[in-house]
């Protein structure tokens, strides 16, 4: 059997890839590289804000392509679902990631919880562009990318999970300790760093992987901007400082590409996962549900519930814990909340297809209704207090929020493409983030089926297949 035949059997023998199976003979020979850098929470409107110092991002936009007005994100507009959309090219209704973890429904009367300690195989229902690249014989890596824990398709992995050091690929963990980026091989030591310190470590880890391994596909996710925007707001002095630091981290990654000698063969795609809005007020739906006797509280915490709400920033996922009564309970919830201050809408499952969410009948994690907050109001999970509406301080929510429906313009994400294969000076009209994965596939010469389309108007040519 020839080596070419062995590769074909390896790629097509992976039954779980289904329609994503790709012949590797051409793709494996490519010298092209794609580096995707996600700056979490860097809203599209900040790129055009003259107060925001973003020299690297704006230089890359001049040299390459920018999506004017921003990129439409998936619902819910939170981190893990949208990072998964970026690398699958489909919305959560298909890839299955609805929160920053798996939504675990309890027994009748027991609340739904979010469990982030899960592998990719438990979170993502379809193969990603990383899986397709790996099956085609390309080298792959990720630094702090969500929903990648336990992936067998990554040569280097430092995933976005609570125990990230523990689950890191051993080779990379040893190297980062030797470089002095990690003080030891424990998660406790890593978590002792500030958000700025963690972004620095992730940036330097990415630079190390680029210089040493030159992966064909690298995914990088930085978090400090998101944290600062939550705590203090996006268009503030602190927010601008966080934006500037993220831009400096991006510059270091670009320099590492130069150092590795692969700049002419590398496409750099800089994105964010969602935007931000200011939320000085919050709605506390669980307070009204408690007052109606639909949930109970013990020691200040939700203990049992017929109906309760899991907050996702600007929306709340409504769970009715008795499956037999769920449709009626969801309808009653809608009657209770529509028209209340701070409530923009309540969506029932028959409306989910319009916002890219799966029906609960077809997917157990999907909620029985979705509470939509009005702009300026976050959704709180608090069970304390006596009023639906409270200040963000009383409700213990952030002054800056995302998670709103993607139709809110402030939720749009930034997107800049530069380097190999990108037409200089391109300006794209608003796109969806489902278009990023097929664009990566086109650049690397991969066959990959998605609901998005490659950004052909920004591409000089697709990589030969």
Protein backbone atom coordinates (compact mmCIF):
# COMPACT_ATOMS: atom_id res chain seq x y z
CA UNK A 1 0.00 0.00 0.00
CA UNK A 2 1.38 3.43 -0.95
CA UNK A 3 1.72 6.29 1.54
CA UNK A 4 -0.91 8.16 -0.45
CA UNK A 5 -3.33 5.27 -0.03
CA UNK A 6 -2.66 5.09 3.68
CA UNK A 7 -3.49 8.79 4.02
CA UNK A 8 -6.72 8.30 2.08
CA UNK A 9 -7.80 5.44 4.32
CA UNK A 10 -6.93 7.43 7.42
CA UNK A 11 -8.94 10.46 6.34
CA UNK A 12 -11.96 8.65 4.94
CA UNK A 13 -11.95 5.90 7.54
CA UNK A 14 -12.91 8.37 10.24
CA UNK A 15 -16.61 7.62 10.02
CA UNK A 16 -17.61 10.39 12.38
CA UNK A 17 -16.36 12.97 9.91
CA UNK A 18 -19.19 11.99 7.57
CA UNK A 19 -19.52 14.56 4.81
CA UNK A 20 -16.45 16.38 6.11
CA UNK A 21 -14.08 13.65 4.90
CA UNK A 22 -11.43 15.20 2.63
CA UNK A 23 -8.80 13.73 0.34
CA UNK A 24 -5.50 14.95 1.79
CA UNK A 25 -3.23 14.51 -1.22
CA UNK A 26 -3.26 18.18 -2.24
CA UNK A 27 -4.03 19.88 1.08
CA UNK A 28 -1.18 18.14 2.90
CA UNK A 29 1.31 19.64 0.46
CA UNK A 30 0.21 23.23 0.98
CA UNK A 31 2.69 25.71 2.41
CA UNK A 32 -0.06 28.02 3.48
CA UNK A 33 -0.77 28.95 7.08
CA UNK A 34 -3.80 30.52 8.73
CA UNK A 35 -3.64 32.15 12.16
CA UNK A 36 -6.98 33.15 13.68
CA UNK A 37 -6.77 35.56 16.63
CA UNK A 38 -9.95 36.22 18.59
CA UNK A 39 -9.95 39.31 20.79
CA UNK A 40 -12.88 38.46 23.03
CA UNK A 41 -15.40 41.28 23.36
CA UNK A 42 -13.71 43.78 21.02
CA UNK A 43 -16.88 45.18 19.48
CA UNK A 44 -16.93 46.22 15.84
CA UNK A 45 -17.79 49.82 16.71
CA UNK A 46 -14.48 50.19 18.58
CA UNK A 47 -12.43 49.82 15.39
CA UNK A 48 -13.79 53.15 14.15
CA UNK A 49 -13.68 54.89 17.54
CA UNK A 50 -10.81 57.45 17.33
CA UNK A 51 -10.25 57.16 21.07
CA UNK A 52 -9.27 53.50 20.76
CA UNK A 53 -5.56 52.94 20.01
CA UNK A 54 -5.51 50.01 17.58
CA UNK A 55 -2.49 50.59 15.30
CA UNK A 56 -1.89 46.92 14.49
CA UNK A 57 -5.52 46.11 13.68
CA UNK A 58 -5.89 49.21 11.51
CA UNK A 59 -2.62 48.50 9.70
CA UNK A 60 -3.77 44.96 8.94
CA UNK A 61 -7.09 46.35 7.70
CA UNK A 62 -5.30 48.77 5.34
CA UNK A 63 -3.06 46.00 4.04
CA UNK A 64 -5.88 43.51 3.70
CA UNK A 65 -9.65 43.43 4.20
CA UNK A 66 -12.07 44.70 6.81
CA UNK A 67 -15.75 44.01 7.33
CA UNK A 68 -17.32 47.46 7.43
CA UNK A 69 -19.94 47.77 10.13
CA UNK A 70 -18.95 44.50 11.73
CA UNK A 71 -19.76 40.81 11.58
CA UNK A 72 -23.11 39.39 12.65
CA UNK A 73 -22.67 36.85 15.43
CA UNK A 74 -24.65 33.79 16.52
CA UNK A 75 -27.27 33.52 19.25
CA UNK A 76 -26.65 33.54 22.10
CA UNK A 77 -23.95 36.20 21.63
CA UNK A 78 -21.62 34.69 24.23
CA UNK A 79 -18.11 33.26 24.04
CA UNK A 80 -18.23 29.49 23.63
CA UNK A 81 -21.15 29.35 21.17
CA UNK A 82 -19.59 31.95 18.90
CA UNK A 83 -16.09 30.55 18.98
CA UNK A 84 -17.63 27.25 17.93
CA UNK A 85 -19.54 28.93 15.11
CA UNK A 86 -16.29 30.49 13.90
CA UNK A 87 -14.68 27.07 13.45
CA UNK A 88 -17.73 25.11 12.24
CA UNK A 89 -19.46 27.56 9.93
CA UNK A 90 -22.86 26.67 11.39
CA UNK A 91 -25.05 28.21 14.08
CA UNK A 92 -25.70 26.73 17.53
CA UNK A 93 -28.84 24.98 16.29
CA UNK A 94 -26.45 22.61 14.48
CA UNK A 95 -23.20 22.64 16.45
CA UNK A 96 -25.01 22.44 19.80
CA UNK A 97 -23.01 24.86 21.99
CA UNK A 98 -25.55 27.12 23.72
CA UNK A 99 -23.54 28.39 26.72
CA UNK A 100 -20.03 28.42 28.16
CA UNK A 101 -20.39 24.73 28.95
CA UNK A 102 -22.91 21.91 28.69
CA UNK A 103 -26.40 22.76 29.96
CA UNK A 104 -27.36 19.86 32.22
CA UNK A 105 -31.06 19.39 32.91
CA UNK A 106 -31.76 17.93 36.32
CA UNK A 107 -34.57 15.64 37.40
CA UNK A 108 -38.12 17.00 37.67
CA UNK A 109 -38.03 19.94 40.05
CA UNK A 110 -34.25 20.33 39.91
CA UNK A 111 -32.54 23.33 38.25
CA UNK A 112 -30.52 23.21 35.04
CA UNK A 113 -26.80 23.85 35.54
CA UNK A 114 -23.88 24.81 33.28
CA UNK A 115 -20.91 22.44 33.31
CA UNK A 116 -17.75 23.78 31.60
CA UNK A 117 -15.65 20.72 32.47
CA UNK A 118 -16.38 18.86 29.27
CA UNK A 119 -14.43 17.63 26.25
CA UNK A 120 -15.04 18.81 22.70
CA UNK A 121 -16.80 15.53 21.96
CA UNK A 122 -19.42 16.34 24.63
CA UNK A 123 -19.88 19.96 23.56
CA UNK A 124 -19.69 20.11 19.76
CA UNK A 125 -22.00 17.94 17.69
CA UNK A 126 -20.13 18.17 14.37
CA UNK A 127 -16.49 18.16 13.20
CA UNK A 128 -14.70 21.52 13.15
CA UNK A 129 -12.37 23.00 10.54
CA UNK A 130 -9.53 21.83 12.83
CA UNK A 131 -10.76 18.25 12.52
CA UNK A 132 -10.90 18.60 8.74
CA UNK A 133 -7.40 20.11 8.61
CA UNK A 134 -5.98 17.35 10.80
CA UNK A 135 -7.65 14.63 8.71
CA UNK A 136 -6.03 16.20 5.65
CA UNK A 137 -2.57 15.91 7.21
CA UNK A 138 -2.12 19.54 8.18
CA UNK A 139 -0.57 20.63 11.47
CA UNK A 140 -2.90 22.32 13.95
CA UNK A 141 -2.74 24.15 17.29
CA UNK A 142 -4.90 26.23 19.61
CA UNK A 143 -4.22 28.56 22.52
CA UNK A 144 -7.16 29.21 24.87
CA UNK A 145 -9.78 28.33 22.24
CA UNK A 146 -13.11 27.21 23.73
CA UNK A 147 -14.62 23.76 23.23
CA UNK A 148 -11.37 22.05 22.24
CA UNK A 149 -10.52 20.06 25.39
CA UNK A 150 -9.65 16.47 24.61
CA UNK A 151 -9.47 17.01 20.85
CA UNK A 152 -7.33 14.43 19.06
CA UNK A 153 -6.96 16.76 16.07
CA UNK A 154 -4.62 19.25 17.77
CA UNK A 155 -0.84 18.94 17.84
CA UNK A 156 -0.64 21.64 20.53
CA UNK A 157 -3.51 22.52 22.85
CA UNK A 158 -3.93 24.98 25.77
CA UNK A 159 -7.72 25.03 25.82
CA UNK A 160 -10.18 27.45 27.42
CA UNK A 161 -11.40 25.29 30.31
CA UNK A 162 -11.24 25.69 34.10
CA UNK A 163 -8.30 23.24 34.41
CA UNK A 164 -6.45 24.41 31.32
CA UNK A 165 -2.92 23.53 32.45
CA UNK A 166 -3.95 20.04 33.50
CA UNK A 167 -5.50 19.38 30.08
CA UNK A 168 -2.70 21.02 28.05
CA UNK A 169 -0.75 18.83 25.65
CA UNK A 170 2.24 17.60 27.73
CA UNK A 171 4.92 18.78 25.29
CA UNK A 172 3.64 22.36 25.31
CA UNK A 173 3.17 22.40 29.10
CA UNK A 174 6.79 21.33 29.64
CA UNK A 175 8.06 23.92 27.17
CA UNK A 176 6.11 26.77 28.77
CA UNK A 177 7.57 25.91 32.18
CA UNK A 178 11.08 25.77 30.70
CA UNK A 179 10.51 29.17 29.07
CA UNK A 180 9.43 30.61 32.42
CA UNK A 181 5.96 31.51 31.15
CA UNK A 182 4.45 29.09 33.68
CA UNK A 183 5.95 28.94 37.15
CA UNK A 184 5.01 25.26 37.46
CA UNK A 185 2.65 22.70 35.94
CA UNK A 186 -0.33 23.47 38.20
CA UNK A 187 -3.55 25.29 37.42
CA UNK A 188 -3.37 27.04 40.79
CA UNK A 189 -0.21 28.86 39.77
CA UNK A 190 -1.63 29.84 36.38
CA UNK A 191 -4.87 31.14 37.92
CA UNK A 192 -2.86 33.37 40.27
CA UNK A 193 -1.99 35.60 37.31
CA UNK A 194 -4.12 38.63 36.49
CA UNK A 195 -6.24 38.70 33.35
CA UNK A 196 -3.50 40.77 31.72
CA UNK A 197 -0.91 38.23 32.83
CA UNK A 198 -2.90 35.35 31.37
CA UNK A 199 -3.26 37.17 28.06
CA UNK A 200 0.52 37.65 28.07
CA UNK A 201 1.10 33.94 28.67
CA UNK A 202 -1.36 32.92 25.96
CA UNK A 203 0.25 35.39 23.54
CA UNK A 204 3.77 34.15 24.24
CA UNK A 205 2.59 30.53 24.02
CA UNK A 206 1.14 31.28 20.59
CA UNK A 207 4.39 32.98 19.52
CA UNK A 208 6.39 29.97 20.71
CA UNK A 209 4.20 27.53 18.77
CA UNK A 210 4.47 29.68 15.63
CA UNK A 211 8.26 29.90 15.81
CA UNK A 212 8.85 26.28 16.73
CA UNK A 213 6.11 24.40 14.85
CA UNK A 214 4.79 26.72 12.11
CA UNK A 215 1.32 25.15 12.24
CA UNK A 216 -0.85 25.27 9.15
CA UNK A 217 -3.78 26.31 11.33
CA UNK A 218 -3.51 28.09 14.68
CA UNK A 219 -6.40 29.41 16.79
CA UNK A 220 -5.68 32.00 19.52
CA UNK A 221 -8.17 33.50 22.00
CA UNK A 222 -7.38 36.44 24.31
CA UNK A 223 -9.74 37.38 27.15
CA UNK A 224 -8.65 40.55 28.96
CA UNK A 225 -10.75 42.93 26.83
CA UNK A 226 -13.91 41.01 27.67
CA UNK A 227 -13.20 41.08 31.41
CA UNK A 228 -12.52 44.82 31.48
CA UNK A 229 -15.56 45.62 29.35
CA UNK A 230 -17.75 43.62 31.73
CA UNK A 231 -16.35 45.28 34.83
CA UNK A 232 -15.98 48.88 33.68
CA UNK A 233 -17.57 49.30 30.26
CA UNK A 234 -16.25 49.28 26.71
CA UNK A 235 -15.90 52.98 25.88
CA UNK A 236 -14.05 53.96 29.04
CA UNK A 237 -10.43 54.73 29.83
CA UNK A 238 -9.97 51.23 31.21
CA UNK A 239 -11.65 49.75 28.15
CA UNK A 240 -9.43 51.71 25.79
CA UNK A 241 -6.36 50.56 27.72
CA UNK A 242 -7.46 46.93 27.43
CA UNK A 243 -8.03 47.39 23.68
CA UNK A 244 -4.54 48.84 23.29
CA UNK A 245 -2.99 45.92 25.17
CA UNK A 246 -4.83 43.41 22.98
CA UNK A 247 -3.52 45.23 19.92
CA UNK A 248 0.04 44.97 21.31
CA UNK A 249 -0.44 41.22 21.85
CA UNK A 250 -1.58 40.92 18.25
CA UNK A 251 1.55 42.76 17.14
CA UNK A 252 3.71 40.20 18.99
CA UNK A 253 1.92 37.38 17.19
CA UNK A 254 2.49 39.11 13.85
CA UNK A 255 6.18 39.51 14.71
CA UNK A 256 6.41 35.80 15.55
CA UNK A 257 5.03 34.98 12.11
CA UNK A 258 7.79 37.16 10.63
CA UNK A 259 10.41 35.47 12.84
CA UNK A 260 9.25 32.05 11.67
CA UNK A 261 9.83 33.07 8.06
CA UNK A 262 6.26 32.31 6.99
CA UNK A 263 4.72 35.78 6.66
CA UNK A 264 4.34 35.52 2.89
CA UNK A 265 2.51 32.21 3.27
CA UNK A 266 0.33 33.22 6.24
CA UNK A 267 -3.17 34.67 6.39
CA UNK A 268 -3.94 36.45 9.65
CA UNK A 269 -7.64 36.59 10.52
CA UNK A 270 -8.47 38.86 13.47
CA UNK A 271 -11.98 38.58 14.87
CA UNK A 272 -14.01 38.99 18.01
CA UNK A 273 -16.81 36.78 19.24
CA UNK A 274 -19.38 39.44 20.13
CA UNK A 275 -19.83 43.11 20.90
CA UNK A 276 -20.78 44.94 24.08
CA UNK A 277 -23.42 47.28 25.42
CA UNK A 278 -23.83 49.15 28.70
CA UNK A 279 -26.30 47.66 31.20
CA UNK A 280 -26.81 49.91 34.25
CA UNK A 281 -30.01 48.01 35.08
CA UNK A 282 -30.95 44.36 35.33
CA UNK A 283 -34.08 42.25 35.35
CA UNK A 284 -34.37 39.46 37.93
CA UNK A 285 -36.91 36.97 36.54
CA UNK A 286 -36.19 34.38 39.22
CA UNK A 287 -37.42 36.86 41.85
CA UNK A 288 -40.88 36.97 40.25
CA UNK A 289 -40.85 33.19 39.82
CA UNK A 290 -39.99 32.81 43.52
CA UNK A 291 -42.83 35.13 44.48
CA UNK A 292 -45.21 33.09 42.32
CA UNK A 293 -44.16 29.89 44.10
CA UNK A 294 -42.54 28.43 40.97
CA UNK A 295 -39.12 28.04 42.58
CA UNK A 296 -37.75 27.71 46.09
CA UNK A 297 -34.67 29.17 47.73
CA UNK A 298 -32.54 27.75 50.53
CA UNK A 299 -29.66 29.70 52.12
CA UNK A 300 -29.94 32.32 49.40
CA UNK A 301 -29.59 29.81 46.56
CA UNK A 302 -31.99 28.24 44.12
CA UNK A 303 -32.86 24.78 45.41
CA UNK A 304 -35.86 23.48 43.46
CA UNK A 305 -37.90 24.90 40.61
CA UNK A 306 -40.81 24.25 38.32
CA UNK A 307 -39.52 27.07 36.12
CA UNK A 308 -36.29 29.05 36.37
CA UNK A 309 -33.99 31.22 34.27
CA UNK A 310 -30.30 30.69 33.49
CA UNK A 311 -28.79 34.12 32.64
CA UNK A 312 -26.73 34.66 29.49
CA UNK A 313 -26.09 38.40 29.67
CA UNK A 314 -28.79 40.00 27.55
CA UNK A 315 -31.01 36.93 27.40
CA UNK A 316 -32.20 34.33 29.87
CA UNK A 317 -32.63 30.64 29.06
CA UNK A 318 -35.93 29.50 30.57
CA UNK A 319 -36.12 25.90 31.77
CA UNK A 320 -39.35 24.15 32.75
CA UNK A 321 -38.27 21.13 34.75
CA UNK A 322 -41.31 18.89 34.14
CA UNK A 323 -41.13 17.84 30.45
CA UNK A 324 -44.82 16.94 30.36
CA UNK A 325 -45.86 20.47 31.37
CA UNK A 326 -43.10 22.40 29.58
CA UNK A 327 -45.06 23.88 26.63
CA UNK A 328 -47.85 25.15 28.90
CA UNK A 329 -45.39 26.41 31.54
CA UNK A 330 -43.39 28.28 28.88
CA UNK A 331 -46.54 29.92 27.55
CA UNK A 332 -47.49 31.00 31.09
CA UNK A 333 -43.98 32.38 31.59
CA UNK A 334 -44.41 34.50 28.47
CA UNK A 335 -47.70 35.92 29.76
CA UNK A 336 -46.02 36.75 33.06
CA UNK A 337 -43.12 38.70 31.56
CA UNK A 338 -44.12 40.27 28.25
CA UNK A 339 -44.81 43.95 28.84
CA UNK A 340 -42.70 44.18 31.99
CA UNK A 341 -40.03 46.87 32.28
CA UNK A 342 -36.74 45.75 30.76
CA UNK A 343 -38.27 42.84 28.83
CA UNK A 344 -38.07 43.14 25.04
CA UNK A 345 -39.62 39.75 24.21
CA UNK A 346 -40.08 36.14 25.21
CA UNK A 347 -39.39 33.63 22.44
CA UNK A 348 -41.07 30.24 22.38
CA UNK A 349 -39.57 27.21 20.59
CA UNK A 350 -41.52 27.70 17.36
CA UNK A 351 -39.54 30.94 16.91
CA UNK A 352 -36.11 29.42 17.54
CA UNK A 353 -35.29 28.67 13.91
CA UNK A 354 -35.36 32.41 13.20
CA UNK A 355 -32.57 33.02 15.73
CA UNK A 356 -30.50 29.90 15.03
CA UNK A 357 -31.37 27.89 18.13
CA UNK A 358 -32.45 24.24 18.27
CA UNK A 359 -35.93 23.16 19.37
CA UNK A 360 -35.94 21.55 22.86
CA UNK A 361 -37.83 18.60 21.42
CA UNK A 362 -34.77 17.91 19.24
CA UNK A 363 -31.99 18.90 21.65
CA UNK A 364 -32.15 18.41 25.40
CA UNK A 365 -29.91 21.39 26.24
CA UNK A 366 -32.17 23.85 24.46
CA UNK A 367 -34.38 25.98 26.73
CA UNK A 368 -38.16 25.92 26.79
CA UNK A 369 -38.31 29.69 26.22
CA UNK A 370 -35.88 32.59 25.82
CA UNK A 371 -36.30 35.81 27.80
CA UNK A 372 -34.92 38.77 25.82
CA UNK A 373 -33.83 41.87 27.73
CA UNK A 374 -34.15 45.37 26.36
CA UNK A 375 -30.95 47.24 25.59
CA UNK A 376 -29.60 48.71 28.82
CA UNK A 377 -30.83 45.78 30.94
CA UNK A 378 -28.94 42.58 31.71
CA UNK A 379 -30.60 39.36 32.86
CA UNK A 380 -29.69 38.39 36.42
CA UNK A 381 -29.92 34.90 37.87
CA UNK A 382 -30.40 36.33 41.35
CA UNK A 383 -33.16 34.87 43.50
CA UNK A 384 -32.89 37.63 46.13
CA UNK A 385 -34.80 40.89 46.32
CA UNK A 386 -38.39 41.91 45.82
CA UNK A 387 -38.49 43.73 42.47
CA UNK A 388 -38.03 42.57 38.90
CA UNK A 389 -35.86 45.57 37.99
CA UNK A 390 -32.80 46.59 39.99
CA UNK A 391 -29.53 48.40 39.44
CA UNK A 392 -26.71 46.28 38.10
CA UNK A 393 -24.99 46.60 41.48
CA UNK A 394 -27.99 45.31 43.44
CA UNK A 395 -28.60 42.54 40.90
CA UNK A 396 -24.90 41.63 40.82
CA UNK A 397 -24.62 41.94 37.06
CA UNK A 398 -21.95 43.65 34.99
CA UNK A 399 -22.06 47.24 33.82
CA UNK A 400 -20.99 45.92 30.41
CA UNK A 401 -22.85 43.00 28.84
CA UNK A 402 -23.27 40.88 25.74
CA UNK A 403 -25.47 37.86 25.14
CA UNK A 404 -28.21 39.96 23.52
CA UNK A 405 -29.83 38.82 20.29
CA UNK A 406 -27.50 39.33 17.34
CA UNK A 407 -29.97 41.78 15.80
CA UNK A 408 -28.78 44.38 18.33
CA UNK A 409 -26.14 46.34 16.33
CA UNK A 410 -23.84 46.68 19.35
CA UNK A 411 -23.39 42.89 19.36
CA UNK A 412 -21.54 42.94 16.02
CA UNK A 413 -17.98 41.62 16.10
CA UNK A 414 -14.92 42.94 14.35
CA UNK A 415 -13.30 41.07 11.45
CA UNK A 416 -10.05 41.86 9.64
CA UNK A 417 -8.16 39.60 7.22
CA UNK A 418 -4.61 40.25 6.03
CA UNK A 419 -1.69 38.49 4.39
CA UNK A 420 -1.46 35.61 1.97
CA UNK A 421 -4.42 35.22 -0.33
CA UNK A 422 -6.15 38.44 0.80
CA UNK A 423 -6.88 41.28 -1.60
CA UNK A 424 -5.36 44.49 -0.23
CA UNK A 425 -7.74 47.37 0.44
CA UNK A 426 -10.87 45.22 0.43
CA UNK A 427 -13.99 46.45 2.21
CA UNK A 428 -16.67 43.85 2.85
CA UNK A 429 -20.28 44.52 3.64
CA UNK A 430 -21.67 42.96 6.80
CA UNK A 431 -21.06 39.21 6.95
CA UNK A 432 -21.96 36.47 9.41
CA UNK A 433 -19.43 34.61 11.50
CA UNK A 434 -20.53 31.37 9.82
CA UNK A 435 -18.42 32.63 6.87
CA UNK A 436 -15.08 32.35 8.68
CA UNK A 437 -14.71 28.53 8.63
CA UNK A 438 -15.36 28.21 4.88
CA UNK A 439 -12.89 31.05 4.28
CA UNK A 440 -10.25 29.14 6.24
CA UNK A 441 -11.08 26.06 4.20
CA UNK A 442 -10.62 27.99 0.95
CA UNK A 443 -7.27 29.39 2.09
CA UNK A 444 -5.96 25.94 3.10
CA UNK A 445 -7.44 24.05 0.17
CA UNK A 446 -9.83 21.98 2.26
CA UNK A 447 -13.26 20.62 1.37
CA UNK A 448 -15.51 21.51 4.28
CA UNK A 449 -19.31 21.72 4.27
CA UNK A 450 -20.84 24.65 6.17
CA UNK A 451 -23.85 26.96 6.11
CA UNK A 452 -21.54 29.91 5.45
CA UNK A 453 -19.76 30.99 2.31
CA UNK A 454 -16.08 31.86 1.82
CA UNK A 455 -15.37 35.57 1.63
CA UNK A 456 -14.45 35.36 -2.05
CA UNK A 457 -14.52 39.11 -2.62
CA UNK A 458 -11.58 39.42 -0.20
CA UNK A 459 -9.64 36.47 -1.63
CA UNK A 460 -7.08 36.79 -4.40
CA UNK A 461 -7.59 33.14 -5.21
CA UNK A 462 -8.51 29.97 -3.38
CA UNK A 463 -5.72 27.57 -2.51
CA UNK A 464 -5.47 24.87 -5.24
CA UNK A 465 -7.12 21.55 -4.50
